[in-house]
Amino acid sequence: MSAPISKEEWRELREATVLAIDDIAEQVGLPNVLLKYQARTVKLLESSAIKVLFIEKSRRIGETWALGSYAALRAGRERSAGGMDVMYISYSREMTREFIDACAMWSRAYNMVAAEAEEFLFDDSDETGDRSIQAFRIRFASGFEIVALSSAPRGLRGKQGVVIIDEAAFVDNLKELLKAAMAFLMWGGQVVVCSTHNGTENEFNVQVQDILGGRSKYAHLRVDFDQALEEGLYERICLVTGEDWSPAKEAQWRQDIIDFYGDGADEELFCIPSQGSGAWLTTPLIEARMTVDAPILRLELPDDYLQRDHLAQAILMAPFYEELDEALANLDPTRSHAFGFDFARVADLSVVSLLSITTNLNRESALTVEMRKVPGNEQKETTKRILQAAPRLVGAAFDGTGMGWTVAEDMGRIFGLRENEGDPGLVWSIKFSQDWYRINMPPVKTAFEDASISLTKDDEHLSDLRLVKTIRGIPRVPDLRSGEEGKKRHGDFAIALALAWFASRMRWHEIDYTPVTPNTNQFERANTDDDDKPFRMASMRNRRGAW
């Protein structure tokens, strides 16, 4: 395991941060009680729109302390102000005791009238017999209470209010516990599921992947170790311990913590579930989605292409452009389309994936173009032709790393470059990162699992999709290549497909119309029927957008 960035890089990053805020440091005064990520958690839960929240977190960053502040706020209110009981569940007695102590501290800070924390036996009897669980409790003058238990109760279905499941990846049978906890929602309650990871196959990670993949509508929050540090974790530690903070000391402390966790640092600190190194998609699943017959155009130019004169180059390109124009002319004009482009010039392929979007929002392959040993100008001409001809184009995502940026930039000059949702233009230039793969690959897998994507049968595309692996909990293409010498592939189609899928969710709209010359006889008949109502005909055409 290696840290995402080195100790030296972290020190430089934090020194730059200090310099950036130095001018306003004297105006800050005492720090806020909650750090930024802790405050975000409370703010989300205070929103009436959030009913279920899953939190991926690093170990020991104080997220449970933030949940304690929210629990005290909620249980201390009158019913008319949204007050209700809070039940906290974790897997160890020490954690429940710590949570109750935090809630007691917060209730004193809020000047709430509450009884002292007490230990009692929680009645967990059901039809199978009598049972009691050791628990802690704080009663509030509002009439509500906070109850903390060290194991999952069987009688959860009979309760109501807010339920907090802490270190959920480590409780027994999380799936069944979640089923019972969701009953809290019927009476206006909330469910908060917070945890570090415990493997890719754990139910907690399964739920998180469903959220990221768009299959689940639950809210999601992620706070890893570096984000917590950037938002003041070590500075707060220094404040509590009375030590002076500096970027160098923070960088050393960070490295010591990473070294302490060793091979487990990815999972314990950086929210990357372990035990994930297998194929991302299975062969039967991929083949089951290869159900359409869309064209796949492949262009490979000779090594001496650039040494030939312009006429010879044009002769080589002419058949390909003719084939491309024919394929573009056959695209369905009633469907929206989305474009993805993975750029390469020397060792790998450049691949265009054009998806059409059906009326039920399924994505179908409409055209794939693969280019090997094709110079940049010819690649730009090819992409421009596709972007200009694709009906109702809603977005175009380009590999913006390395030389791919030049293609994205030139297309952005023509069709508009986008950086954020809502910006004008069609073209997105994507700088690949762990976060991009983590957020944008799960929806593609969900599409395969839910049969909402259809591809053309092709063994090389199958190979590209099979090459994607789950590495450190994140689906991406490893530094491996497949195929025969001189024609190796690096998962190029898989990346182009992921980019097209991303673009298909970034809707951009333009409304336009083209007037049509009316039929003379119709025009005359219309005037004859009613001279006061001149006859007009127009057909509305939507260009590169949806109504």
Protein backbone atom coordinates (compact mmCIF):
# COMPACT_ATOMS: atom_id res chain seq x y z
CA MET A 1 0.00 0.00 0.00
CA SER A 2 1.23 3.50 -0.72
CA ALA A 3 -0.31 6.72 0.55
CA PRO A 4 -2.20 8.79 -2.02
CA ILE A 5 0.48 11.48 -1.61
CA SER A 6 3.80 11.48 0.21
CA LYS A 7 4.70 13.16 3.49
CA GLU A 8 6.67 15.85 1.66
CA GLU A 9 3.82 16.54 -0.75
CA TRP A 10 1.37 16.82 2.14
CA ARG A 11 3.64 19.29 3.94
CA GLU A 12 3.89 21.45 0.82
CA LEU A 13 0.13 21.28 0.32
CA ARG A 14 -0.59 22.41 3.86
CA GLU A 15 2.05 25.15 3.73
CA ALA A 16 0.34 26.50 0.63
CA THR A 17 -3.00 26.34 2.44
CA VAL A 18 -1.62 28.31 5.38
CA LEU A 19 -0.23 30.97 3.05
CA ALA A 20 -3.58 31.22 1.28
CA ILE A 21 -5.50 31.93 4.49
CA ASP A 22 -2.79 33.89 6.31
CA ASP A 23 -4.41 37.23 5.49
CA ILE A 24 -7.65 36.32 7.26
CA ALA A 25 -6.24 34.18 10.08
CA GLU A 26 -6.36 36.98 12.63
CA GLN A 27 -10.06 37.54 11.93
CA VAL A 28 -11.08 33.97 12.65
CA GLY A 29 -10.80 33.97 16.44
CA LEU A 30 -11.68 30.77 18.28
CA PRO A 31 -12.41 27.81 15.99
CA ASN A 32 -15.93 26.51 15.48
CA VAL A 33 -16.86 23.69 17.81
CA LEU A 34 -17.61 21.39 14.89
CA LEU A 35 -15.13 20.92 12.09
CA LYS A 36 -16.38 21.49 8.56
CA TYR A 37 -17.11 17.85 7.76
CA GLN A 38 -18.78 17.35 11.13
CA ALA A 39 -20.93 20.42 10.55
CA ARG A 40 -21.89 19.10 7.09
CA THR A 41 -23.16 15.91 8.70
CA VAL A 42 -25.36 17.80 11.16
CA LYS A 43 -26.60 20.17 8.45
CA LEU A 44 -27.61 17.26 6.22
CA LEU A 45 -29.47 15.55 9.03
CA GLU A 46 -31.25 18.79 9.97
CA SER A 47 -32.66 18.88 6.46
CA SER A 48 -36.19 17.54 6.34
CA ALA A 49 -35.43 16.06 2.92
CA ILE A 50 -32.85 13.60 4.30
CA LYS A 51 -34.49 10.43 5.58
CA VAL A 52 -31.63 7.95 5.16
CA LEU A 53 -27.95 8.94 5.20
CA PHE A 54 -24.99 6.62 4.59
CA ILE A 55 -21.59 7.94 5.71
CA GLU A 56 -18.30 6.41 4.56
CA LYS A 57 -15.61 7.61 6.93
CA SER A 58 -12.03 7.27 8.04
CA ARG A 59 -11.25 5.77 11.41
CA ARG A 60 -11.15 8.11 14.43
CA ILE A 61 -11.99 11.45 12.83
CA GLY A 62 -14.73 12.43 15.29
CA GLU A 63 -17.78 11.70 13.14
CA THR A 64 -19.45 9.87 16.05
CA TRP A 65 -18.93 13.03 18.14
CA ALA A 66 -20.82 15.02 15.49
CA LEU A 67 -23.64 12.46 15.53
CA GLY A 68 -23.80 12.89 19.32
CA SER A 69 -24.37 16.63 18.86
CA TYR A 70 -27.25 15.94 16.49
CA ALA A 71 -28.73 13.30 18.80
CA ALA A 72 -28.78 15.78 21.70
CA LEU A 73 -30.36 18.46 19.53
CA ARG A 74 -33.09 16.11 18.31
CA ALA A 75 -33.97 14.47 21.62
CA GLY A 76 -33.84 17.77 23.51
CA ARG A 77 -36.52 19.45 21.39
CA GLU A 78 -40.23 19.59 22.01
CA ARG A 79 -42.33 17.41 19.73
CA SER A 80 -43.66 20.52 17.93
CA ALA A 81 -40.07 21.44 17.03
CA GLY A 82 -39.31 18.02 15.60
CA GLY A 83 -38.10 16.31 18.76
CA MET A 84 -38.03 12.53 18.92
CA ASP A 85 -36.22 9.61 20.53
CA VAL A 86 -32.77 8.66 19.27
CA MET A 87 -31.51 5.09 19.31
CA TYR A 88 -27.79 4.49 18.81
CA ILE A 89 -26.55 1.00 17.87
CA SER A 90 -22.97 -0.19 17.60
CA TYR A 91 -21.05 -3.41 18.06
CA SER A 92 -19.14 -2.66 21.30
CA ARG A 93 -19.98 -1.51 24.81
CA GLU A 94 -17.07 0.96 24.78
CA MET A 95 -18.48 2.76 21.73
CA THR A 96 -21.95 3.07 23.26
CA ARG A 97 -20.50 4.44 26.48
CA GLU A 98 -18.41 6.93 24.51
CA PHE A 99 -21.45 8.03 22.50
CA ILE A 100 -23.59 8.59 25.59
CA ASP A 101 -20.79 10.61 27.21
CA ALA A 102 -20.60 12.78 24.08
CA CYS A 103 -24.38 13.29 24.11
CA ALA A 104 -24.25 14.29 27.79
CA MET A 105 -21.52 16.83 27.03
CA TRP A 106 -23.54 18.27 24.15
CA SER A 107 -26.73 18.53 26.24
CA ARG A 108 -24.81 20.55 28.83
CA ALA A 109 -23.34 22.74 26.07
CA TYR A 110 -26.84 23.36 24.72
CA ASN A 111 -28.15 24.10 28.25
CA MET A 112 -30.72 21.37 27.92
CA VAL A 113 -32.46 19.94 30.95
CA ALA A 114 -31.51 16.27 31.03
CA ALA A 115 -31.02 13.56 33.60
CA GLU A 116 -27.60 12.04 34.15
CA ALA A 117 -26.62 9.20 31.87
CA GLU A 118 -27.72 5.90 33.32
CA GLU A 119 -27.11 2.26 32.61
CA PHE A 120 -30.14 -0.04 32.31
CA LEU A 121 -31.42 -3.24 30.71
CA PHE A 122 -33.20 -2.68 27.40
CA ASP A 123 -36.13 -5.06 26.97
CA ASP A 124 -35.65 -6.88 23.67
CA SER A 125 -38.27 -9.58 24.15
CA ASP A 126 -40.16 -10.91 21.17
CA GLU A 127 -42.27 -13.92 20.27
CA THR A 128 -39.23 -16.19 20.67
CA GLY A 129 -38.83 -15.35 24.34
CA ASP A 130 -37.55 -12.87 26.91
CA ARG A 131 -34.26 -11.09 26.34
CA SER A 132 -32.54 -8.00 27.72
CA ILE A 133 -29.67 -5.92 26.33
CA GLN A 134 -27.31 -3.80 28.39
CA ALA A 135 -27.85 -0.18 27.38
CA PHE A 136 -27.21 3.46 28.34
CA ARG A 137 -29.78 6.23 28.39
CA ILE A 138 -30.21 9.99 28.80
CA ARG A 139 -33.72 11.34 29.48
CA PHE A 140 -34.58 14.91 28.47
CA ALA A 141 -37.18 17.33 29.83
CA SER A 142 -38.74 17.27 26.36
CA GLY A 143 -39.97 13.77 27.13
CA PHE A 144 -37.60 12.12 24.66
CA GLU A 145 -34.50 10.10 25.30
CA ILE A 146 -31.27 8.87 23.77
CA VAL A 147 -30.71 5.13 24.11
CA ALA A 148 -27.38 3.52 23.18
CA LEU A 149 -27.09 -0.25 22.76
CA SER A 150 -24.06 -2.41 22.16
CA SER A 151 -25.82 -4.96 19.95
CA ALA A 152 -28.63 -4.97 17.41
CA PRO A 153 -32.05 -5.35 19.07
CA ARG A 154 -34.61 -7.79 17.73
CA GLY A 155 -37.45 -5.49 18.82
CA LEU A 156 -36.35 -2.52 16.72
CA ARG A 157 -39.55 -2.65 14.67
CA GLY A 158 -41.61 -1.47 17.59
CA LYS A 159 -39.65 1.76 18.02
CA GLN A 160 -39.76 5.16 16.33
CA GLY A 161 -37.54 8.21 16.05
CA VAL A 162 -33.96 8.48 14.81
CA VAL A 163 -31.79 5.37 14.61
CA ILE A 164 -28.01 5.70 14.27
CA ILE A 165 -26.07 2.57 13.28
CA ASP A 166 -22.39 3.26 13.95
CA GLU A 167 -19.57 1.16 12.45
CA ALA A 168 -22.35 -0.55 10.56
CA ALA A 169 -19.95 -2.72 8.53
CA PHE A 170 -19.10 -4.58 11.75
CA VAL A 171 -22.54 -5.27 13.23
CA ASP A 172 -24.15 -8.69 12.93
CA ASN A 173 -26.50 -9.05 9.96
CA LEU A 174 -26.64 -5.42 8.81
CA LYS A 175 -29.09 -6.31 6.05
CA GLU A 176 -31.75 -7.47 8.52
CA LEU A 177 -31.01 -4.58 10.86
CA LEU A 178 -31.58 -2.10 8.04
CA LYS A 179 -34.91 -3.74 7.20
CA ALA A 180 -36.07 -3.21 10.77
CA ALA A 181 -34.62 0.30 11.01
CA MET A 182 -36.49 1.51 7.92
CA ALA A 183 -39.73 1.20 9.89
CA PHE A 184 -38.61 4.37 11.71
CA LEU A 185 -39.29 6.34 8.53
CA MET A 186 -43.04 5.72 8.67
CA TRP A 187 -43.46 8.21 11.51
CA GLY A 188 -41.07 10.89 10.27
CA GLY A 189 -37.90 9.38 11.68
CA GLN A 190 -34.44 9.07 10.20
CA VAL A 191 -31.87 6.33 9.65
CA VAL A 192 -28.16 7.17 9.80
CA VAL A 193 -25.68 4.47 8.78
CA CYS A 194 -22.06 5.40 9.49
CA SER A 195 -18.97 3.22 9.15
CA THR A 196 -15.46 2.57 7.99
CA HIS A 197 -15.27 -0.20 5.42
CA ASN A 198 -14.96 -3.93 6.07
CA GLY A 199 -14.45 -5.47 2.62
CA THR A 200 -16.09 -5.10 -0.77
CA GLU A 201 -18.65 -7.85 -0.14
CA ASN A 202 -19.85 -6.35 3.14
CA GLU A 203 -23.48 -5.18 3.14
CA PHE A 204 -22.39 -1.64 4.03
CA ASN A 205 -20.32 -1.39 0.84
CA VAL A 206 -23.08 -3.05 -1.18
CA GLN A 207 -25.48 -0.32 -0.03
CA VAL A 208 -22.95 2.44 -0.78
CA GLN A 209 -22.34 1.08 -4.29
CA ASP A 210 -26.10 1.00 -4.89
CA ILE A 211 -26.25 4.68 -3.93
CA LEU A 212 -23.32 5.63 -6.16
CA GLY A 213 -24.75 3.52 -8.97
CA GLY A 214 -28.08 5.34 -8.81
CA ARG A 215 -30.02 2.25 -7.80
CA SER A 216 -30.70 3.65 -4.32
CA LYS A 217 -31.97 7.16 -3.58
CA TYR A 218 -30.45 7.40 -0.10
CA ALA A 219 -28.19 10.34 0.73
CA HIS A 220 -24.45 9.74 0.85
CA LEU A 221 -21.48 11.43 2.51
CA ARG A 222 -17.81 10.47 2.36
CA VAL A 223 -15.03 11.76 4.60
CA ASP A 224 -11.60 10.20 4.26
CA PHE A 225 -8.49 10.88 6.34
CA ASP A 226 -7.00 13.52 4.06
CA GLN A 227 -10.26 15.44 3.79
CA ALA A 228 -10.57 15.46 7.58
CA LEU A 229 -7.00 16.78 7.86
CA GLU A 230 -7.62 19.48 5.27
CA GLU A 231 -10.65 20.60 7.26
CA GLY A 232 -8.81 20.91 10.55
CA LEU A 233 -8.58 17.51 12.28
CA TYR A 234 -4.93 17.72 13.31
CA GLU A 235 -5.22 21.42 14.13
CA ARG A 236 -8.03 20.53 16.52
CA ILE A 237 -5.91 17.75 18.04
CA CYS A 238 -3.09 20.27 18.63
CA LEU A 239 -5.57 22.69 20.20
CA VAL A 240 -6.78 20.00 22.63
CA THR A 241 -3.27 18.76 23.47
CA GLY A 242 -1.79 22.26 23.76
CA GLU A 243 0.78 21.71 21.01
CA ASP A 244 1.73 24.16 18.30
CA TRP A 245 0.50 23.22 14.84
CA SER A 246 2.67 23.39 11.73
CA PRO A 247 2.42 21.84 8.26
CA ALA A 248 5.59 19.83 8.86
CA LYS A 249 4.27 18.38 12.14
CA GLU A 250 0.95 17.52 10.51
CA ALA A 251 2.70 15.82 7.57
CA GLN A 252 4.77 13.70 9.97
CA TRP A 253 1.75 12.81 12.11
CA ARG A 254 -0.21 11.86 8.99
CA GLN A 255 2.59 9.61 7.77
CA ASP A 256 2.91 7.99 11.22
CA ILE A 257 -0.81 7.13 11.20
CA ILE A 258 -0.59 5.70 7.66
CA ASP A 259 2.46 3.64 8.64
CA PHE A 260 0.67 2.38 11.75
CA TYR A 261 -2.21 0.97 9.69
CA GLY A 262 0.17 -0.42 7.06
CA ASP A 263 -1.65 -2.51 4.44
CA GLY A 264 -4.97 -1.65 6.10
CA ALA A 265 -4.58 2.11 5.60
CA ASP A 266 -6.61 2.17 2.38
CA GLU A 267 -9.61 0.68 4.13
CA GLU A 268 -9.22 2.20 7.59
CA LEU A 269 -8.29 5.72 6.52
CA PHE A 270 -9.17 6.30 2.88
CA CYS A 271 -12.63 4.67 2.57
CA ILE A 272 -11.43 2.02 0.09
CA PRO A 273 -12.86 -1.42 0.91
CA SER A 274 -10.37 -4.26 0.82
CA GLN A 275 -10.52 -7.70 -0.81
CA GLY A 276 -11.39 -6.27 -4.19
CA SER A 277 -9.09 -7.34 -7.01
CA GLY A 278 -11.35 -9.39 -9.26
CA ALA A 279 -13.06 -8.66 -12.55
CA TRP A 280 -15.52 -5.80 -12.41
CA LEU A 281 -17.99 -7.38 -14.85
CA THR A 282 -18.45 -11.06 -15.59
CA THR A 283 -18.32 -12.42 -19.13
CA PRO A 284 -21.91 -13.81 -19.09
CA LEU A 285 -23.24 -10.43 -17.90
CA ILE A 286 -21.40 -8.52 -20.64
CA GLU A 287 -22.48 -10.95 -23.36
CA ALA A 288 -26.08 -10.75 -22.18
CA ARG A 289 -26.04 -7.00 -22.92
CA MET A 290 -24.59 -7.35 -26.43
CA THR A 291 -27.94 -7.30 -28.20
CA VAL A 292 -27.82 -4.56 -30.88
CA ASP A 293 -26.25 -4.42 -34.31
CA ALA A 294 -24.67 -0.96 -34.41
CA PRO A 295 -21.66 -0.26 -36.68
CA ILE A 296 -18.09 -0.52 -35.41
CA LEU A 297 -15.63 1.34 -37.67
CA ARG A 298 -11.92 0.61 -37.31
CA LEU A 299 -9.19 2.74 -38.87
CA GLU A 300 -5.48 1.89 -38.75
CA LEU A 301 -3.05 4.04 -40.72
CA PRO A 302 0.40 2.97 -41.95
CA ASP A 303 3.48 3.97 -39.96
CA ASP A 304 4.65 6.31 -42.75
CA TYR A 305 1.32 8.13 -43.10
CA LEU A 306 2.76 11.52 -42.11
CA GLN A 307 5.61 11.15 -44.61
CA ARG A 308 3.18 10.86 -47.52
CA ASP A 309 1.92 13.89 -49.45
CA HIS A 310 -1.49 15.43 -48.83
CA LEU A 311 -3.08 13.72 -51.81
CA ALA A 312 -1.91 10.28 -50.66
CA GLN A 313 -3.17 11.02 -47.16
CA ALA A 314 -6.55 12.10 -48.49
CA ILE A 315 -6.83 8.93 -50.57
CA LEU A 316 -6.15 6.81 -47.46
CA MET A 317 -8.75 8.70 -45.39
CA ALA A 318 -11.49 8.95 -48.04
CA PRO A 319 -12.98 5.43 -47.68
CA PHE A 320 -13.12 5.79 -43.91
CA TYR A 321 -14.84 9.18 -44.05
CA GLU A 322 -17.33 7.82 -46.59
CA GLU A 323 -18.12 4.88 -44.29
CA LEU A 324 -18.38 7.22 -41.30
CA ASP A 325 -20.73 9.63 -43.05
CA GLU A 326 -22.96 6.74 -44.09
CA ALA A 327 -23.14 5.44 -40.52
CA LEU A 328 -23.95 8.93 -39.23
CA ALA A 329 -26.70 9.36 -41.81
CA ASN A 330 -28.37 6.20 -40.50
CA LEU A 331 -28.57 7.39 -36.87
CA ASP A 332 -32.09 7.60 -35.43
CA PRO A 333 -33.09 11.30 -35.54
CA THR A 334 -35.78 10.81 -32.89
CA ARG A 335 -33.31 9.76 -30.19
CA SER A 336 -30.93 11.78 -28.05
CA HIS A 337 -27.27 10.81 -28.26
CA ALA A 338 -24.22 11.00 -25.98
CA PHE A 339 -20.56 10.90 -26.98
CA GLY A 340 -17.49 9.52 -25.18
CA PHE A 341 -13.90 9.71 -26.48
CA ASP A 342 -10.83 7.95 -25.03
CA PHE A 343 -7.74 9.43 -26.69
CA ALA A 344 -4.48 7.65 -27.61
CA ARG A 345 -1.83 8.22 -30.23
CA VAL A 346 1.04 5.71 -30.03
CA ALA A 347 0.61 2.49 -28.05
CA ASP A 348 -3.16 2.37 -27.52
CA LEU A 349 -6.37 2.97 -29.45
CA SER A 350 -8.49 6.08 -29.60
CA VAL A 351 -12.10 4.98 -29.20
CA VAL A 352 -15.35 6.86 -29.78
CA SER A 353 -18.50 5.50 -28.16
CA LEU A 354 -21.75 7.06 -29.31
CA LEU A 355 -24.81 6.00 -27.31
CA SER A 356 -28.43 6.61 -28.21
CA ILE A 357 -30.97 7.13 -25.45
CA THR A 358 -34.29 5.32 -25.82
CA THR A 359 -37.66 6.63 -24.66
CA ASN A 360 -37.40 4.51 -21.51
CA LEU A 361 -33.91 5.97 -20.85
CA ASN A 362 -31.96 2.84 -21.79
CA ARG A 363 -28.62 3.44 -23.51
CA GLU A 364 -27.86 1.64 -26.75
CA SER A 365 -24.66 1.63 -28.75
CA ALA A 366 -25.29 3.64 -31.93
CA LEU A 367 -21.74 3.86 -33.32
CA THR A 368 -18.23 2.92 -32.24
CA VAL A 369 -15.08 4.21 -33.94
CA GLU A 370 -11.60 2.88 -33.19
CA MET A 371 -8.45 4.61 -34.45
CA ARG A 372 -4.91 3.27 -34.27
CA LYS A 373 -1.83 5.25 -35.32
CA VAL A 374 -4.07 8.13 -36.44
CA PRO A 375 -2.60 11.66 -36.10
CA GLY A 376 -4.27 14.32 -34.02
CA ASN A 377 -5.74 16.36 -36.88
CA GLU A 378 -7.47 13.35 -38.37
CA GLN A 379 -8.82 12.40 -34.94
CA LYS A 380 -10.18 15.91 -34.50
CA GLU A 381 -11.82 15.83 -37.93
CA THR A 382 -13.45 12.49 -37.10
CA THR A 383 -14.81 13.67 -33.76
CA LYS A 384 -16.05 16.93 -35.30
CA ARG A 385 -17.98 15.05 -37.99
CA ILE A 386 -19.63 12.86 -35.36
CA LEU A 387 -20.52 15.74 -33.05
CA GLN A 388 -21.99 17.76 -35.91
CA ALA A 389 -24.07 14.89 -37.26
CA ALA A 390 -25.27 13.12 -34.10
CA PRO A 391 -28.99 13.93 -33.64
CA ARG A 392 -30.05 15.66 -30.43
CA LEU A 393 -26.62 15.43 -28.84
CA VAL A 394 -26.88 15.97 -25.08
CA GLY A 395 -23.21 15.83 -24.12
CA ALA A 396 -19.70 14.86 -25.15
CA ALA A 397 -17.06 13.70 -22.63
CA PHE A 398 -13.41 13.61 -23.64
CA ASP A 399 -10.36 12.07 -22.01
CA GLY A 400 -8.67 15.31 -20.94
CA THR A 401 -5.41 13.79 -19.74
CA GLY A 402 -2.21 14.23 -21.72
CA MET A 403 -2.65 14.96 -25.44
CA GLY A 404 -6.37 14.21 -25.16
CA TRP A 405 -6.77 17.71 -23.78
CA THR A 406 -5.96 19.24 -27.19
CA VAL A 407 -8.85 17.37 -28.84
CA ALA A 408 -11.23 18.36 -26.04
CA GLU A 409 -10.04 21.97 -26.24
CA ASP A 410 -10.49 22.25 -30.01
CA MET A 411 -13.93 20.64 -29.88
CA GLY A 412 -14.76 22.96 -26.99
CA ARG A 413 -14.01 25.94 -29.24
CA ILE A 414 -16.63 24.71 -31.67
CA PHE A 415 -19.29 23.22 -29.40
CA GLY A 416 -18.60 24.94 -26.09
CA LEU A 417 -16.50 23.68 -23.16
CA ARG A 418 -18.20 22.77 -19.88
CA GLU A 419 -16.74 22.57 -16.38
CA ASN A 420 -19.88 22.38 -14.25
CA GLU A 421 -23.45 21.21 -14.68
CA GLY A 422 -25.48 24.11 -16.02
CA ASP A 423 -22.62 25.66 -18.02
CA PRO A 424 -23.28 26.34 -21.72
CA GLY A 425 -21.67 24.05 -24.24
CA LEU A 426 -21.48 20.34 -24.94
CA VAL A 427 -17.90 19.29 -24.27
CA TRP A 428 -16.60 17.96 -20.96
CA SER A 429 -12.85 17.47 -20.55
CA ILE A 430 -12.39 14.75 -17.92
CA LYS A 431 -9.26 14.58 -15.80
CA PHE A 432 -9.31 10.98 -14.63
CA SER A 433 -8.84 10.48 -10.88
CA GLN A 434 -9.70 7.95 -8.19
CA ASP A 435 -12.77 10.00 -7.30
CA TRP A 436 -13.96 10.15 -10.92
CA TYR A 437 -13.77 6.36 -11.24
CA ARG A 438 -15.30 5.85 -7.79
CA ILE A 439 -18.31 8.04 -8.56
CA ASN A 440 -18.88 7.37 -12.26
CA MET A 441 -18.12 3.68 -12.76
CA PRO A 442 -20.81 2.25 -10.42
CA PRO A 443 -23.69 3.64 -12.53
CA VAL A 444 -22.26 1.85 -15.57
CA LYS A 445 -22.16 -1.44 -13.69
CA THR A 446 -25.70 -0.83 -12.49
CA ALA A 447 -26.75 -0.43 -16.14
CA PHE A 448 -25.31 -3.85 -16.98
CA GLU A 449 -27.00 -5.45 -13.98
CA ASP A 450 -30.35 -3.78 -14.66
CA ALA A 451 -30.32 -4.48 -18.42
CA SER A 452 -30.50 -0.76 -19.22
CA ILE A 453 -27.56 -0.82 -21.65
CA SER A 454 -27.20 -2.59 -25.01
CA LEU A 455 -23.97 -3.03 -26.96
CA THR A 456 -22.87 -4.53 -30.26
CA LYS A 457 -21.46 -8.06 -30.12
CA ASP A 458 -17.68 -7.78 -30.35
CA ASP A 459 -15.00 -9.95 -28.79
CA GLU A 460 -12.51 -7.09 -28.43
CA HIS A 461 -15.06 -4.93 -26.61
CA LEU A 462 -15.78 -7.89 -24.37
CA SER A 463 -12.06 -8.16 -23.64
CA ASP A 464 -11.84 -4.43 -22.86
CA LEU A 465 -14.72 -4.60 -20.39
CA ARG A 466 -13.28 -7.74 -18.77
CA LEU A 467 -9.98 -5.91 -18.29
CA VAL A 468 -11.54 -3.51 -15.79
CA LYS A 469 -10.66 -4.62 -12.27
CA THR A 470 -11.68 -3.50 -8.81
CA ILE A 471 -8.41 -2.08 -7.50
CA ARG A 472 -8.29 -0.82 -3.92
CA GLY A 473 -12.07 -0.90 -3.99
CA ILE A 474 -12.36 1.26 -7.11
CA PRO A 475 -13.16 -0.06 -10.62
CA ARG A 476 -10.51 1.01 -13.14
CA VAL A 477 -8.22 -0.32 -15.87
CA PRO A 478 -4.92 -1.69 -14.48
CA ASP A 479 -1.57 -1.24 -16.20
CA LEU A 480 -2.12 -4.35 -18.30
CA ARG A 481 -2.77 -4.82 -21.99
CA SER A 482 -4.49 -7.56 -23.95
CA GLY A 483 -4.24 -8.73 -27.55
CA GLU A 484 -1.50 -9.65 -29.97
CA GLU A 485 1.78 -7.76 -30.26
CA GLY A 486 1.39 -4.49 -32.14
CA LYS A 487 -2.36 -4.46 -31.66
CA LYS A 488 -2.65 -4.51 -27.88
CA ARG A 489 -5.61 -2.96 -26.12
CA HIS A 490 -5.79 -1.21 -22.76
CA GLY A 491 -9.48 -1.39 -21.93
CA ASP A 492 -10.00 1.50 -24.36
CA PHE A 493 -13.63 0.73 -25.22
CA ALA A 494 -14.52 0.42 -21.51
CA ILE A 495 -13.24 3.94 -20.82
CA ALA A 496 -14.96 5.43 -23.89
CA LEU A 497 -18.21 3.74 -22.83
CA ALA A 498 -17.90 5.13 -19.28
CA LEU A 499 -17.32 8.62 -20.72
CA ALA A 500 -20.36 8.31 -22.99
CA TRP A 501 -22.46 7.14 -20.06
CA PHE A 502 -21.26 10.15 -18.03
CA ALA A 503 -22.13 12.48 -20.93
CA SER A 504 -25.59 10.90 -21.26
CA ARG A 505 -26.44 12.11 -17.75
CA MET A 506 -25.25 15.69 -18.36
CA ARG A 507 -28.22 17.01 -20.27
CA TRP A 508 -27.80 20.13 -22.41
CA HIS A 509 -30.65 21.62 -24.40
CA GLU A 510 -31.03 23.81 -27.44
CA ILE A 511 -34.32 24.55 -29.17
CA ASP A 512 -34.34 25.41 -32.88
CA TYR A 513 -36.66 25.12 -35.84
CA THR A 514 -36.39 24.88 -39.60
CA PRO A 515 -39.20 26.41 -41.68
CA VAL A 516 -40.50 24.22 -44.48
CA THR A 517 -41.79 25.67 -47.76
CA PRO A 518 -45.52 24.86 -47.90
CA ASN A 519 -47.10 22.97 -50.75
CA THR A 520 -48.51 25.56 -53.18
CA ASN A 521 -51.87 23.81 -53.63
CA GLN A 522 -52.32 23.47 -49.88
CA PHE A 523 -51.45 27.14 -49.45
CA GLU A 524 -53.99 28.20 -52.10
CA ARG A 525 -56.71 25.94 -50.65
CA ALA A 526 -56.09 27.36 -47.20
CA ASN A 527 -56.41 30.94 -48.47
CA THR A 528 -59.55 30.00 -50.38
CA ASP A 529 -61.14 28.47 -47.28
CA ASP A 530 -60.38 31.43 -45.06
CA ASP A 531 -58.70 34.57 -46.39
CA ASP A 532 -58.34 35.95 -42.84
CA LYS A 533 -56.16 32.95 -41.78
CA PRO A 534 -53.06 32.77 -43.97
CA PHE A 535 -51.75 29.27 -44.13
CA ARG A 536 -48.29 28.61 -42.60
CA MET A 537 -46.35 25.42 -42.24
CA ALA A 538 -43.24 24.80 -40.19
CA SER A 539 -41.58 21.75 -38.83
CA MET A 540 -39.88 22.01 -35.48
CA ARG A 541 -36.47 20.42 -35.38
CA ASN A 542 -34.53 20.03 -32.13
CA ARG A 543 -30.80 20.27 -32.87
CA ARG A 544 -28.29 18.86 -30.36
CA GLY A 545 -30.79 18.87 -27.53
CA ALA A 546 -34.11 17.66 -26.18
CA TRP A 547 -37.39 19.53 -25.98
